Amino acid sequence: MKTERRRRRSAKAHEAVSLYLESFREQAGLEAVALTTTDGLLIGGAGAQVDLEWMGALGAASTKPSLTWESRTLHVESLSVHAFDLCLISAGKKVKAKGLTEGLERILPLA
């Protein structure tokens, strides 16, 4: 019998992505993290006291790898999930999105 390692999970993809990102945020020591399409549509995010939708939209629209917003430095990292280009925006420090791809591919359905 396989033991389930996750305590919190959801059958809904957007909730599952946010739970996954919350775990990532805690492990990485981030204030907030948002995953968006390249157009800025929020797929999921985690972090308190932060407007994740606006943070994600700003990061996705940025042409630079970092920007300042409300006294925070946002870091933008591109990643590809099932051949779809996405943006990972982090507040607190720069992170490598590559490590998230495998988990996101398990959570997000193929188009």
PDB file of N, CA and C in Angstrom:
ATOM      1  N   MET A   1       0.831  -1.180   0.000  1.00  0.00           N
ATOM      2  CA  MET A   1       0.000   0.000   0.000  1.00  0.00           C
ATOM      3  C   MET A   1       0.881   1.251   0.000  1.00  0.00           C
ATOM      4  N   LYS A   2       0.611   2.157  -0.910  1.00  0.00           N
ATOM      5  CA  LYS A   2       1.392   3.380  -1.045  1.00  0.00           C
ATOM      6  C   LYS A   2       0.898   4.422  -0.040  1.00  0.00           C
ATOM      7  N   THR A   3       1.819   5.035   0.688  1.00  0.00           N
ATOM      8  CA  THR A   3       1.483   6.052   1.670  1.00  0.00           C
ATOM      9  C   THR A   3       1.448   7.415   0.992  1.00  0.00           C
ATOM     10  N   GLU A   4       0.382   8.148   1.215  1.00  0.00           N
ATOM     11  CA  GLU A   4       0.241   9.495   0.650  1.00  0.00           C
ATOM     12  C   GLU A   4       1.059  10.475   1.479  1.00  0.00           C
ATOM     13  N   ARG A   5       1.988  11.198   0.832  1.00  0.00           N
ATOM     14  CA  ARG A   5       2.870  12.120   1.552  1.00  0.00           C
ATOM     15  C   ARG A   5       2.239  13.483   1.760  1.00  0.00           C
ATOM     16  N   ARG A   6       1.252  13.836   0.953  1.00  0.00           N
ATOM     17  CA  ARG A   6       0.625  15.155   1.068  1.00  0.00           C
ATOM     18  C   ARG A   6      -0.552  15.098   2.036  1.00  0.00           C
ATOM     19  N   ARG A   7      -0.652  16.102   2.878  1.00  0.00           N
ATOM     20  CA  ARG A   7      -1.771  16.174   3.813  1.00  0.00           C
ATOM     21  C   ARG A   7      -2.930  16.940   3.215  1.00  0.00           C
ATOM     22  N   ARG A   8      -2.606  17.992   2.471  1.00  0.00           N
ATOM     23  CA  ARG A   8      -3.641  18.826   1.858  1.00  0.00           C
ATOM     24  C   ARG A   8      -3.630  18.585   0.362  1.00  0.00           C
ATOM     25  N   ARG A   9      -4.789  18.299  -0.195  1.00  0.00           N
ATOM     26  CA  ARG A   9      -4.876  18.075  -1.628  1.00  0.00           C
ATOM     27  C   ARG A   9      -6.265  18.447  -2.102  1.00  0.00           C
ATOM     28  N   SER A  10      -6.398  18.583  -3.420  1.00  0.00           N
ATOM     29  CA  SER A  10      -7.687  18.954  -3.996  1.00  0.00           C
ATOM     30  C   SER A  10      -7.814  18.312  -5.366  1.00  0.00           C
ATOM     31  N   ALA A  11      -9.032  17.948  -5.719  1.00  0.00           N
ATOM     32  CA  ALA A  11      -9.308  17.412  -7.054  1.00  0.00           C
ATOM     33  C   ALA A  11      -9.435  18.544  -8.079  1.00  0.00           C
ATOM     34  N   LYS A  12      -9.611  19.777  -7.604  1.00  0.00           N
ATOM     35  CA  LYS A  12      -9.727  20.927  -8.498  1.00  0.00           C
ATOM     36  C   LYS A  12      -8.320  21.444  -8.811  1.00  0.00           C
ATOM     37  N   ALA A  13      -8.002  21.556 -10.109  1.00  0.00           N
ATOM     38  CA  ALA A  13      -6.645  21.913 -10.528  1.00  0.00           C
ATOM     39  C   ALA A  13      -6.181  23.250  -9.958  1.00  0.00           C
ATOM     40  N   HIS A  14      -7.018  24.284  -9.986  1.00  0.00           N
ATOM     41  CA  HIS A  14      -6.573  25.595  -9.497  1.00  0.00           C
ATOM     42  C   HIS A  14      -6.294  25.569  -7.989  1.00  0.00           C
ATOM     43  N   GLU A  15      -7.084  24.812  -7.242  1.00  0.00           N
ATOM     44  CA  GLU A  15      -6.830  24.691  -5.801  1.00  0.00           C
ATOM     45  C   GLU A  15      -5.567  23.866  -5.544  1.00  0.00           C
ATOM     46  N   ALA A  16      -5.398  22.798  -6.320  1.00  0.00           N
ATOM     47  CA  ALA A  16      -4.220  21.945  -6.161  1.00  0.00           C
ATOM     48  C   ALA A  16      -2.941  22.714  -6.478  1.00  0.00           C
ATOM     49  N   VAL A  17      -2.970  23.557  -7.509  1.00  0.00           N
ATOM     50  CA  VAL A  17      -1.805  24.378  -7.844  1.00  0.00           C
ATOM     51  C   VAL A  17      -1.489  25.324  -6.689  1.00  0.00           C
ATOM     52  N   SER A  18      -2.496  25.960  -6.127  1.00  0.00           N
ATOM     53  CA  SER A  18      -2.266  26.893  -5.018  1.00  0.00           C
ATOM     54  C   SER A  18      -1.724  26.171  -3.783  1.00  0.00           C
ATOM     55  N   LEU A  19      -2.213  24.981  -3.492  1.00  0.00           N
ATOM     56  CA  LEU A  19      -1.675  24.200  -2.370  1.00  0.00           C
ATOM     57  C   LEU A  19      -0.217  23.830  -2.621  1.00  0.00           C
ATOM     58  N   TYR A  20       0.084  23.442  -3.844  1.00  0.00           N
ATOM     59  CA  TYR A  20       1.454  23.095  -4.230  1.00  0.00           C
ATOM     60  C   TYR A  20       2.370  24.321  -4.090  1.00  0.00           C
ATOM     61  N   LEU A  21       1.888  25.469  -4.561  1.00  0.00           N
ATOM     62  CA  LEU A  21       2.681  26.690  -4.471  1.00  0.00           C
ATOM     63  C   LEU A  21       2.835  27.160  -3.025  1.00  0.00           C
ATOM     64  N   GLU A  22       1.844  26.923  -2.181  1.00  0.00           N
ATOM     65  CA  GLU A  22       1.958  27.270  -0.760  1.00  0.00           C
ATOM     66  C   GLU A  22       3.073  26.450  -0.106  1.00  0.00           C
ATOM     67  N   SER A  23       3.130  25.180  -0.423  1.00  0.00           N
ATOM     68  CA  SER A  23       4.193  24.330   0.107  1.00  0.00           C
ATOM     69  C   SER A  23       5.558  24.806  -0.397  1.00  0.00           C
ATOM     70  N   PHE A  24       5.628  25.128  -1.681  1.00  0.00           N
ATOM     71  CA  PHE A  24       6.863  25.648  -2.271  1.00  0.00           C
ATOM     72  C   PHE A  24       7.259  26.965  -1.611  1.00  0.00           C
ATOM     73  N   ARG A  25       6.283  27.857  -1.414  1.00  0.00           N
ATOM     74  CA  ARG A  25       6.537  29.162  -0.795  1.00  0.00           C
ATOM     75  C   ARG A  25       7.142  28.995   0.594  1.00  0.00           C
ATOM     76  N   GLU A  26       6.567  28.104   1.386  1.00  0.00           N
ATOM     77  CA  GLU A  26       7.056  27.869   2.744  1.00  0.00           C
ATOM     78  C   GLU A  26       8.478  27.307   2.730  1.00  0.00           C
ATOM     79  N   GLN A  27       8.722  26.315   1.870  1.00  0.00           N
ATOM     80  CA  GLN A  27      10.049  25.691   1.795  1.00  0.00           C
ATOM     81  C   GLN A  27      11.111  26.662   1.307  1.00  0.00           C
ATOM     82  N   ALA A  28      10.753  27.520   0.348  1.00  0.00           N
ATOM     83  CA  ALA A  28      11.714  28.459  -0.236  1.00  0.00           C
ATOM     84  C   ALA A  28      11.866  29.736   0.590  1.00  0.00           C
ATOM     85  N   GLY A  29      11.004  29.941   1.573  1.00  0.00           N
ATOM     86  CA  GLY A  29      11.074  31.146   2.399  1.00  0.00           C
ATOM     87  C   GLY A  29      10.650  32.400   1.657  1.00  0.00           C
ATOM     88  N   LEU A  30       9.623  32.278   0.832  1.00  0.00           N
ATOM     89  CA  LEU A  30       9.128  33.404   0.040  1.00  0.00           C
ATOM     90  C   LEU A  30       7.978  34.105   0.739  1.00  0.00           C
ATOM     91  N   GLU A  31       7.847  35.384   0.482  1.00  0.00           N
ATOM     92  CA  GLU A  31       6.693  36.125   0.977  1.00  0.00           C
ATOM     93  C   GLU A  31       5.445  35.727   0.189  1.00  0.00           C
ATOM     94  N   ALA A  32       5.596  35.611  -1.125  1.00  0.00           N
ATOM     95  CA  ALA A  32       4.471  35.245  -1.987  1.00  0.00           C
ATOM     96  C   ALA A  32       5.001  34.669  -3.289  1.00  0.00           C
ATOM     97  N   VAL A  33       4.142  33.911  -3.956  1.00  0.00           N
ATOM     98  CA  VAL A  33       4.482  33.337  -5.257  1.00  0.00           C
ATOM     99  C   VAL A  33       3.200  33.239  -6.080  1.00  0.00           C
ATOM    100  N   ALA A  34       3.314  33.548  -7.381  1.00  0.00           N
ATOM    101  CA  ALA A  34       2.163  33.475  -8.284  1.00  0.00           C
ATOM    102  C   ALA A  34       2.582  32.787  -9.569  1.00  0.00           C
ATOM    103  N   LEU A  35       1.694  31.963 -10.100  1.00  0.00           N
ATOM    104  CA  LEU A  35       1.899  31.300 -11.385  1.00  0.00           C
ATOM    105  C   LEU A  35       0.858  31.842 -12.345  1.00  0.00           C
ATOM    106  N   THR A  36       1.314  32.368 -13.482  1.00  0.00           N
ATOM    107  CA  THR A  36       0.403  32.973 -14.453  1.00  0.00           C
ATOM    108  C   THR A  36       0.686  32.472 -15.853  1.00  0.00           C
ATOM    109  N   THR A  37      -0.256  32.756 -16.743  1.00  0.00           N
ATOM    110  CA  THR A  37       0.009  32.597 -18.170  1.00  0.00           C
ATOM    111  C   THR A  37       0.902  33.763 -18.572  1.00  0.00           C
ATOM    112  N   THR A  38       1.423  33.725 -19.776  1.00  0.00           N
ATOM    113  CA  THR A  38       2.255  34.837 -20.246  1.00  0.00           C
ATOM    114  C   THR A  38       1.429  36.104 -20.440  1.00  0.00           C
ATOM    115  N   ASP A  39       0.102  35.978 -20.503  1.00  0.00           N
ATOM    116  CA  ASP A  39      -0.791  37.134 -20.589  1.00  0.00           C
ATOM    117  C   ASP A  39      -1.136  37.711 -19.223  1.00  0.00           C
ATOM    118  N   GLY A  40      -0.706  37.050 -18.154  1.00  0.00           N
ATOM    119  CA  GLY A  40      -0.945  37.557 -16.809  1.00  0.00           C
ATOM    120  C   GLY A  40      -2.143  36.968 -16.094  1.00  0.00           C
ATOM    121  N   LEU A  41      -2.787  35.963 -16.673  1.00  0.00           N
ATOM    122  CA  LEU A  41      -3.922  35.319 -16.020  1.00  0.00           C
ATOM    123  C   LEU A  41      -3.407  34.416 -14.896  1.00  0.00           C
ATOM    124  N   LEU A  42      -3.882  34.653 -13.681  1.00  0.00           N
ATOM    125  CA  LEU A  42      -3.436  33.887 -12.523  1.00  0.00           C
ATOM    126  C   LEU A  42      -3.950  32.451 -12.583  1.00  0.00           C
ATOM    127  N   ILE A  43      -3.036  31.504 -12.480  1.00  0.00           N
ATOM    128  CA  ILE A  43      -3.389  30.085 -12.419  1.00  0.00           C
ATOM    129  C   ILE A  43      -3.475  29.645 -10.973  1.00  0.00           C
ATOM    130  N   GLY A  44      -2.555  30.131 -10.155  1.00  0.00           N
ATOM    131  CA  GLY A  44      -2.551  29.811  -8.737  1.00  0.00           C
ATOM    132  C   GLY A  44      -1.498  30.634  -8.033  1.00  0.00           C
ATOM    133  N   GLY A  45      -1.610  30.702  -6.730  1.00  0.00           N
ATOM    134  CA  GLY A  45      -0.630  31.481  -5.986  1.00  0.00           C
ATOM    135  C   GLY A  45      -0.760  31.252  -4.505  1.00  0.00           C
ATOM    136  N   ALA A  46       0.208  31.795  -3.774  1.00  0.00           N
ATOM    137  CA  ALA A  46       0.222  31.652  -2.322  1.00  0.00           C
ATOM    138  C   ALA A  46       0.927  32.844  -1.706  1.00  0.00           C
ATOM    139  N   GLY A  47       0.430  33.270  -0.562  1.00  0.00           N
ATOM    140  CA  GLY A  47       1.032  34.379   0.165  1.00  0.00           C
ATOM    141  C   GLY A  47      -0.052  35.248   0.772  1.00  0.00           C
ATOM    142  N   ALA A  48       0.174  35.661   1.996  1.00  0.00           N
ATOM    143  CA  ALA A  48      -0.790  36.507   2.695  1.00  0.00           C
ATOM    144  C   ALA A  48      -0.444  37.974   2.487  1.00  0.00           C
ATOM    145  N   GLN A  49      -1.431  38.824   2.619  1.00  0.00           N
ATOM    146  CA  GLN A  49      -1.236  40.274   2.541  1.00  0.00           C
ATOM    147  C   GLN A  49      -0.691  40.734   1.192  1.00  0.00           C
ATOM    148  N   VAL A  50      -0.942  39.967   0.137  1.00  0.00           N
ATOM    149  CA  VAL A  50      -0.458  40.308  -1.204  1.00  0.00           C
ATOM    150  C   VAL A  50      -1.592  40.085  -2.196  1.00  0.00           C
ATOM    151  N   ASP A  51      -1.785  41.008  -3.106  1.00  0.00           N
ATOM    152  CA  ASP A  51      -2.744  40.840  -4.188  1.00  0.00           C
ATOM    153  C   ASP A  51      -2.079  39.977  -5.254  1.00  0.00           C
ATOM    154  N   LEU A  52      -2.305  38.673  -5.187  1.00  0.00           N
ATOM    155  CA  LEU A  52      -1.633  37.727  -6.070  1.00  0.00           C
ATOM    156  C   LEU A  52      -1.976  37.950  -7.542  1.00  0.00           C
ATOM    157  N   GLU A  53      -3.224  38.318  -7.821  1.00  0.00           N
ATOM    158  CA  GLU A  53      -3.608  38.561  -9.216  1.00  0.00           C
ATOM    159  C   GLU A  53      -2.824  39.733  -9.795  1.00  0.00           C
ATOM    160  N   TRP A  54      -2.732  40.814  -9.058  1.00  0.00           N
ATOM    161  CA  TRP A  54      -2.010  41.992  -9.541  1.00  0.00           C
ATOM    162  C   TRP A  54      -0.518  41.715  -9.620  1.00  0.00           C
ATOM    163  N   MET A  55       0.020  41.028  -8.619  1.00  0.00           N
ATOM    164  CA  MET A  55       1.427  40.665  -8.617  1.00  0.00           C
ATOM    165  C   MET A  55       1.757  39.818  -9.847  1.00  0.00           C
ATOM    166  N   GLY A  56       0.907  38.843 -10.126  1.00  0.00           N
ATOM    167  CA  GLY A  56       1.118  37.985 -11.286  1.00  0.00           C
ATOM    168  C   GLY A  56       1.025  38.731 -12.596  1.00  0.00           C
ATOM    169  N   ALA A  57       0.050  39.626 -12.705  1.00  0.00           N
ATOM    170  CA  ALA A  57      -0.120  40.403 -13.938  1.00  0.00           C
ATOM    171  C   ALA A  57       1.082  41.312 -14.176  1.00  0.00           C
ATOM    172  N   LEU A  58       1.559  41.967 -13.124  1.00  0.00           N
ATOM    173  CA  LEU A  58       2.733  42.835 -13.250  1.00  0.00           C
ATOM    174  C   LEU A  58       3.964  42.041 -13.673  1.00  0.00           C
ATOM    175  N   GLY A  59       4.163  40.904 -13.049  1.00  0.00           N
ATOM    176  CA  GLY A  59       5.326  40.080 -13.380  1.00  0.00           C
ATOM    177  C   GLY A  59       5.281  39.563 -14.798  1.00  0.00           C
ATOM    178  N   ALA A  60       4.118  39.092 -15.223  1.00  0.00           N
ATOM    179  CA  ALA A  60       3.990  38.560 -16.582  1.00  0.00           C
ATOM    180  C   ALA A  60       4.196  39.647 -17.631  1.00  0.00           C
ATOM    181  N   ALA A  61       3.811  40.878 -17.322  1.00  0.00           N
ATOM    182  CA  ALA A  61       3.955  41.986 -18.269  1.00  0.00           C
ATOM    183  C   ALA A  61       5.372  42.565 -18.281  1.00  0.00           C
ATOM    184  N   SER A  62       6.170  42.217 -17.300  1.00  0.00           N
ATOM    185  CA  SER A  62       7.514  42.785 -17.195  1.00  0.00           C
ATOM    186  C   SER A  62       8.432  42.232 -18.281  1.00  0.00           C
ATOM    187  N   THR A  63       9.266  43.098 -18.800  1.00  0.00           N
ATOM    188  CA  THR A  63      10.279  42.670 -19.775  1.00  0.00           C
ATOM    189  C   THR A  63      11.612  42.416 -19.092  1.00  0.00           C
ATOM    190  N   LYS A  64      11.646  42.604 -17.777  1.00  0.00           N
ATOM    191  CA  LYS A  64      12.868  42.424 -17.000  1.00  0.00           C
ATOM    192  C   LYS A  64      12.705  41.261 -16.026  1.00  0.00           C
ATOM    193  N   PRO A  65      13.798  40.665 -15.593  1.00  0.00           N
ATOM    194  CA  PRO A  65      13.715  39.544 -14.654  1.00  0.00           C
ATOM    195  C   PRO A  65      13.342  39.943 -13.226  1.00  0.00           C
ATOM    196  N   SER A  66      13.370  41.249 -12.931  1.00  0.00           N
ATOM    197  CA  SER A  66      12.923  41.701 -11.613  1.00  0.00           C
ATOM    198  C   SER A  66      12.370  43.115 -11.725  1.00  0.00           C
ATOM    199  N   LEU A  67      11.470  43.445 -10.795  1.00  0.00           N
ATOM    200  CA  LEU A  67      10.854  44.760 -10.758  1.00  0.00           C
ATOM    201  C   LEU A  67      10.457  45.077  -9.328  1.00  0.00           C
ATOM    202  N   THR A  68      10.231  46.349  -9.054  1.00  0.00           N
ATOM    203  CA  THR A  68       9.822  46.772  -7.719  1.00  0.00           C
ATOM    204  C   THR A  68       8.340  47.098  -7.741  1.00  0.00           C
ATOM    205  N   TRP A  69       7.628  46.591  -6.722  1.00  0.00           N
ATOM    206  CA  TRP A  69       6.193  46.826  -6.583  1.00  0.00           C
ATOM    207  C   TRP A  69       5.870  46.908  -5.098  1.00  0.00           C
ATOM    208  N   GLU A  70       5.288  48.025  -4.686  1.00  0.00           N
ATOM    209  CA  GLU A  70       4.896  48.238  -3.285  1.00  0.00           C
ATOM    210  C   GLU A  70       6.013  47.864  -2.312  1.00  0.00           C
ATOM    211  N   SER A  71       7.176  48.379  -2.530  1.00  0.00           N
ATOM    212  CA  SER A  71       8.378  48.150  -1.725  1.00  0.00           C
ATOM    213  C   SER A  71       8.839  46.684  -1.704  1.00  0.00           C
ATOM    214  N   ARG A  72       8.347  45.890  -2.623  1.00  0.00           N
ATOM    215  CA  ARG A  72       8.787  44.500  -2.764  1.00  0.00           C
ATOM    216  C   ARG A  72       9.567  44.371  -4.068  1.00  0.00           C
ATOM    217  N   THR A  73      10.514  43.477  -4.080  1.00  0.00           N
ATOM    218  CA  THR A  73      11.162  43.126  -5.334  1.00  0.00           C
ATOM    219  C   THR A  73      10.525  41.833  -5.829  1.00  0.00           C
ATOM    220  N   LEU A  74       9.976  41.891  -7.025  1.00  0.00           N
ATOM    221  CA  LEU A  74       9.384  40.709  -7.653  1.00  0.00           C
ATOM    222  C   LEU A  74      10.393  40.130  -8.630  1.00  0.00           C
ATOM    223  N   HIS A  75      10.484  38.831  -8.648  1.00  0.00           N
ATOM    224  CA  HIS A  75      11.386  38.119  -9.552  1.00  0.00           C
ATOM    225  C   HIS A  75      10.537  37.278 -10.494  1.00  0.00           C
ATOM    226  N   VAL A  76      10.848  37.372 -11.778  1.00  0.00           N
ATOM    227  CA  VAL A  76      10.066  36.700 -12.807  1.00  0.00           C
ATOM    228  C   VAL A  76      10.913  35.604 -13.433  1.00  0.00           C
ATOM    229  N   GLU A  77      10.353  34.416 -13.490  1.00  0.00           N
ATOM    230  CA  GLU A  77      11.023  33.257 -14.069  1.00  0.00           C
ATOM    231  C   GLU A  77      10.066  32.592 -15.054  1.00  0.00           C
ATOM    232  N   SER A  78      10.550  32.267 -16.227  1.00  0.00           N
ATOM    233  CA  SER A  78       9.728  31.574 -17.225  1.00  0.00           C
ATOM    234  C   SER A  78       9.849  30.070 -17.029  1.00  0.00           C
ATOM    235  N   LEU A  79       8.765  29.357 -17.320  1.00  0.00           N
ATOM    236  CA  LEU A  79       8.799  27.909 -17.306  1.00  0.00           C
ATOM    237  C   LEU A  79       7.786  27.382 -18.302  1.00  0.00           C
ATOM    238  N   SER A  80       7.929  26.135 -18.642  1.00  0.00           N
ATOM    239  CA  SER A  80       7.036  25.512 -19.608  1.00  0.00           C
ATOM    240  C   SER A  80       6.425  24.266 -18.973  1.00  0.00           C
ATOM    241  N   VAL A  81       5.096  24.181 -19.033  1.00  0.00           N
ATOM    242  CA  VAL A  81       4.364  23.031 -18.497  1.00  0.00           C
ATOM    243  C   VAL A  81       3.495  22.488 -19.620  1.00  0.00           C
ATOM    244  N   HIS A  82       3.722  21.226 -19.993  1.00  0.00           N
ATOM    245  CA  HIS A  82       3.008  20.612 -21.121  1.00  0.00           C
ATOM    246  C   HIS A  82       3.110  21.497 -22.367  1.00  0.00           C
ATOM    247  N   ALA A  83       4.272  22.052 -22.616  1.00  0.00           N
ATOM    248  CA  ALA A  83       4.572  22.907 -23.777  1.00  0.00           C
ATOM    249  C   ALA A  83       3.858  24.253 -23.743  1.00  0.00           C
ATOM    250  N   PHE A  84       3.270  24.634 -22.611  1.00  0.00           N
ATOM    251  CA  PHE A  84       2.666  25.959 -22.458  1.00  0.00           C
ATOM    252  C   PHE A  84       3.643  26.833 -21.673  1.00  0.00           C
ATOM    253  N   ASP A  85       3.902  28.022 -22.195  1.00  0.00           N
ATOM    254  CA  ASP A  85       4.789  28.957 -21.510  1.00  0.00           C
ATOM    255  C   ASP A  85       4.030  29.655 -20.383  1.00  0.00           C
ATOM    256  N   LEU A  86       4.632  29.650 -19.197  1.00  0.00           N
ATOM    257  CA  LEU A  86       4.038  30.254 -18.012  1.00  0.00           C
ATOM    258  C   LEU A  86       5.068  31.135 -17.332  1.00  0.00           C
ATOM    259  N   CYS A  87       4.615  31.926 -16.360  1.00  0.00           N
ATOM    260  CA  CYS A  87       5.499  32.793 -15.573  1.00  0.00           C
ATOM    261  C   CYS A  87       5.332  32.464 -14.099  1.00  0.00           C
ATOM    262  N   LEU A  88       6.455  32.386 -13.403  1.00  0.00           N
ATOM    263  CA  LEU A  88       6.453  32.242 -11.958  1.00  0.00           C
ATOM    264  C   LEU A  88       6.994  33.541 -11.392  1.00  0.00           C
ATOM    265  N   ILE A  89       6.196  34.194 -10.579  1.00  0.00           N
ATOM    266  CA  ILE A  89       6.585  35.465  -9.994  1.00  0.00           C
ATOM    267  C   ILE A  89       6.734  35.247  -8.489  1.00  0.00           C
ATOM    268  N   SER A  90       7.907  35.596  -7.962  1.00  0.00           N
ATOM    269  CA  SER A  90       8.155  35.400  -6.536  1.00  0.00           C
ATOM    270  C   SER A  90       8.486  36.726  -5.868  1.00  0.00           C
ATOM    271  N   ALA A  91       8.024  36.870  -4.642  1.00  0.00           N
ATOM    272  CA  ALA A  91       8.338  38.034  -3.821  1.00  0.00           C
ATOM    273  C   ALA A  91       9.122  37.527  -2.618  1.00  0.00           C
ATOM    274  N   GLY A  92      10.252  38.106  -2.393  1.00  0.00           N
ATOM    275  CA  GLY A  92      11.087  37.691  -1.269  1.00  0.00           C
ATOM    276  C   GLY A  92      12.483  37.349  -1.720  1.00  0.00           C
ATOM    277  N   LYS A  93      12.590  36.548  -2.765  1.00  0.00           N
ATOM    278  CA  LYS A  93      13.887  36.235  -3.353  1.00  0.00           C
ATOM    279  C   LYS A  93      13.672  35.529  -4.679  1.00  0.00           C
ATOM    280  N   LYS A  94      14.734  35.469  -5.452  1.00  0.00           N
ATOM    281  CA  LYS A  94      14.690  34.807  -6.746  1.00  0.00           C
ATOM    282  C   LYS A  94      14.731  33.298  -6.523  1.00  0.00           C
ATOM    283  N   VAL A  95      13.923  32.576  -7.286  1.00  0.00           N
ATOM    284  CA  VAL A  95      13.903  31.116  -7.200  1.00  0.00           C
ATOM    285  C   VAL A  95      14.009  30.527  -8.597  1.00  0.00           C
ATOM    286  N   LYS A  96      14.375  29.284  -8.657  1.00  0.00           N
ATOM    287  CA  LYS A  96      14.431  28.567  -9.930  1.00  0.00           C
ATOM    288  C   LYS A  96      13.115  27.818 -10.120  1.00  0.00           C
ATOM    289  N   ALA A  97      12.421  28.142 -11.182  1.00  0.00           N
ATOM    290  CA  ALA A  97      11.123  27.527 -11.457  1.00  0.00           C
ATOM    291  C   ALA A  97      11.247  26.107 -11.975  1.00  0.00           C
ATOM    292  N   LYS A  98      12.423  25.747 -12.465  1.00  0.00           N
ATOM    293  CA  LYS A  98      12.601  24.437 -13.076  1.00  0.00           C
ATOM    294  C   LYS A  98      12.177  23.287 -12.155  1.00  0.00           C
ATOM    295  N   GLY A  99      12.450  23.405 -10.880  1.00  0.00           N
ATOM    296  CA  GLY A  99      12.090  22.358  -9.935  1.00  0.00           C
ATOM    297  C   GLY A  99      10.593  22.172  -9.751  1.00  0.00           C
ATOM    298  N   LEU A 100       9.802  23.149 -10.149  1.00  0.00           N
ATOM    299  CA  LEU A 100       8.345  23.069 -10.002  1.00  0.00           C
ATOM    300  C   LEU A 100       7.665  22.361 -11.176  1.00  0.00           C
ATOM    301  N   THR A 101       8.329  22.289 -12.292  1.00  0.00           N
ATOM    302  CA  THR A 101       7.699  21.808 -13.529  1.00  0.00           C
ATOM    303  C   THR A 101       7.107  20.414 -13.386  1.00  0.00           C
ATOM    304  N   GLU A 102       7.850  19.490 -12.808  1.00  0.00           N
ATOM    305  CA  GLU A 102       7.370  18.112 -12.688  1.00  0.00           C
ATOM    306  C   GLU A 102       6.073  18.037 -11.872  1.00  0.00           C
ATOM    307  N   GLY A 103       6.039  18.718 -10.750  1.00  0.00           N
ATOM    308  CA  GLY A 103       4.829  18.722  -9.926  1.00  0.00           C
ATOM    309  C   GLY A 103       3.659  19.381 -10.626  1.00  0.00           C
ATOM    310  N   LEU A 104       3.915  20.487 -11.314  1.00  0.00           N
ATOM    311  CA  LEU A 104       2.837  21.172 -12.041  1.00  0.00           C
ATOM    312  C   LEU A 104       2.310  20.320 -13.189  1.00  0.00           C
ATOM    313  N   GLU A 105       3.168  19.546 -13.825  1.00  0.00           N
ATOM    314  CA  GLU A 105       2.705  18.664 -14.904  1.00  0.00           C
ATOM    315  C   GLU A 105       1.804  17.552 -14.369  1.00  0.00           C
ATOM    316  N   ARG A 106       2.033  17.131 -13.120  1.00  0.00           N
ATOM    317  CA  ARG A 106       1.138  16.130 -12.511  1.00  0.00           C
ATOM    318  C   ARG A 106      -0.211  16.740 -12.180  1.00  0.00           C
ATOM    319  N   ILE A 107      -0.209  18.007 -11.773  1.00  0.00           N
ATOM    320  CA  ILE A 107      -1.439  18.657 -11.317  1.00  0.00           C
ATOM    321  C   ILE A 107      -2.293  19.176 -12.470  1.00  0.00           C
ATOM    322  N   LEU A 108      -1.640  19.862 -13.408  1.00  0.00           N
ATOM    323  CA  LEU A 108      -2.384  20.502 -14.508  1.00  0.00           C
ATOM    324  C   LEU A 108      -2.679  19.501 -15.620  1.00  0.00           C
ATOM    325  N   PRO A 109      -3.887  19.504 -16.107  1.00  0.00           N
ATOM    326  CA  PRO A 109      -4.255  18.554 -17.165  1.00  0.00           C
ATOM    327  C   PRO A 109      -3.611  18.939 -18.492  1.00  0.00           C
ATOM    328  N   LEU A 110      -3.461  17.948 -19.351  1.00  0.00           N
ATOM    329  CA  LEU A 110      -3.010  18.226 -20.716  1.00  0.00           C
ATOM    330  C   LEU A 110      -4.128  18.918 -21.455  1.00  0.00           C
ATOM    331  N   ALA A 111      -3.786  19.819 -22.335  1.00  0.00           N
ATOM    332  CA  ALA A 111      -4.796  20.554 -23.111  1.00  0.00           C
ATOM    333  C   ALA A 111      -5.385  19.686 -24.190  1.00  0.00           C
TER     334      ALA A 111
END
